[in-house]
Protein backbone atom coordinates (compact mmCIF):
# COMPACT_ATOMS: atom_id res chain seq x y z
CA MET A 1 143.04 62.66 -30.93
CA ALA A 2 146.37 64.47 -30.95
CA GLU A 3 145.58 65.81 -27.47
CA GLU A 4 145.07 62.26 -26.14
CA GLU A 5 148.32 61.06 -27.69
CA ARG A 6 150.23 63.97 -26.19
CA THR A 7 148.75 63.28 -22.75
CA ASP A 8 149.68 59.59 -23.00
CA GLU A 9 153.26 60.53 -23.89
CA GLU A 10 153.52 62.76 -20.83
CA VAL A 11 152.69 59.95 -18.42
CA PRO A 12 155.96 58.09 -17.79
CA ALA A 13 155.84 54.43 -18.76
CA ALA A 14 155.61 51.86 -15.96
CA GLY A 15 159.14 50.66 -16.78
CA VAL A 16 160.55 54.18 -16.43
CA ILE A 17 158.77 54.60 -13.10
CA LEU A 18 160.09 51.25 -11.88
CA VAL A 19 163.70 52.18 -12.74
CA ALA A 20 163.26 55.44 -10.79
CA PHE A 21 161.69 53.48 -7.90
CA GLU A 22 164.72 51.18 -7.65
CA LYS A 23 166.98 54.24 -7.74
CA LEU A 24 164.88 55.99 -5.08
CA PHE A 25 165.04 53.13 -2.60
CA GLY A 26 168.46 51.84 -3.64
CA GLY A 27 170.26 55.14 -3.16
CA GLY A 28 171.31 55.61 -6.77
CA ARG A 29 172.50 58.81 -8.39
CA GLY A 30 169.94 61.52 -8.89
CA VAL A 31 168.06 60.96 -5.62
CA ARG A 32 167.26 64.31 -4.03
CA ARG A 33 165.43 65.52 -0.93
CA PHE A 34 162.77 68.17 -0.57
CA ARG A 35 164.03 70.79 1.86
CA ARG A 36 160.76 71.23 3.71
CA SER A 37 159.68 67.61 4.24
CA GLY A 38 162.98 65.79 3.83
CA LEU A 39 161.26 63.26 1.56
CA ARG A 40 163.37 61.73 -1.20
CA TYR A 41 162.44 62.04 -4.85
CA VAL A 42 163.70 61.27 -8.35
CA GLU A 43 162.93 63.33 -11.43
CA LEU A 44 161.00 61.60 -14.22
CA PRO A 45 160.49 62.64 -17.86
CA HIS A 46 158.01 65.40 -18.82
CA GLY A 47 158.34 67.29 -15.53
CA ALA A 48 157.09 64.46 -13.33
CA VAL A 49 158.71 63.24 -10.10
CA LEU A 50 158.65 60.02 -8.11
CA VAL A 51 158.31 60.80 -4.39
CA GLU A 52 158.56 58.41 -1.47
CA GLN A 53 155.46 58.11 0.73
CA ASN A 54 155.55 60.26 3.85
CA PRO A 55 155.19 57.76 6.72
CA LYS A 56 154.03 60.55 9.06
CA LYS A 57 150.71 60.95 7.24
CA SER A 58 147.53 59.18 8.35
CA SER A 59 146.68 57.38 5.10
CA GLN A 60 146.65 53.66 4.36
CA TRP A 61 149.72 54.26 2.18
CA ALA A 62 151.60 55.83 5.09
CA GLU A 63 150.68 52.82 7.22
CA LEU A 64 152.24 50.54 4.60
CA ALA A 65 155.40 52.69 4.66
CA ARG A 66 155.53 52.53 8.47
CA ARG A 67 155.35 48.73 8.23
CA GLY A 68 158.44 48.74 6.02
CA GLN A 69 156.91 48.50 2.58
CA ARG A 70 158.41 50.72 -0.11
CA VAL A 71 155.70 53.13 -1.31
CA ALA A 72 156.15 55.96 -3.80
CA TRP A 73 154.03 58.25 -5.98
CA ALA A 74 154.62 59.52 -9.51
CA MET A 75 153.30 63.07 -9.67
CA ARG A 76 153.26 66.16 -11.86
CA ASP A 77 151.91 69.57 -10.88
CA GLY A 78 150.11 68.10 -7.85
CA GLN A 79 148.41 65.39 -9.92
CA TYR A 80 148.99 61.74 -9.03
CA LEU A 81 149.98 59.70 -12.10
CA ALA A 82 150.87 56.35 -10.50
CA HIS A 83 151.72 54.67 -7.22
CA VAL A 84 154.30 51.98 -6.61
CA VAL A 85 154.24 49.51 -3.73
CA ASP A 86 157.23 47.20 -3.38
CA GLY A 87 157.97 47.43 -7.10
CA GLU A 88 154.41 47.02 -8.39
CA VAL A 89 153.45 50.03 -10.53
CA THR A 90 149.79 51.06 -10.79
CA LEU A 91 149.03 53.79 -13.33
CA LEU A 92 146.17 56.03 -12.24
CA ASP A 93 143.47 57.53 -14.47
């Protein structure tokens, strides 16, 4: 049980992700860029990051980004925790 609680604590809350999302697309303080891809990101608690969708990819998410929608992913250590499309946060299992 303690393991489950710890895991739940490590996933940033939807509200925390949404604040980072608004910062990411609003140009607030703390927005950084990955050197290699040039994609913007914001650090989240517990070692997670919120990264904008790469519009150059061939996924449905990239297509949304190319059409002007704001798409981002909360990730930690290569694992997807949530996605956000135009301010709507979806936590992933």
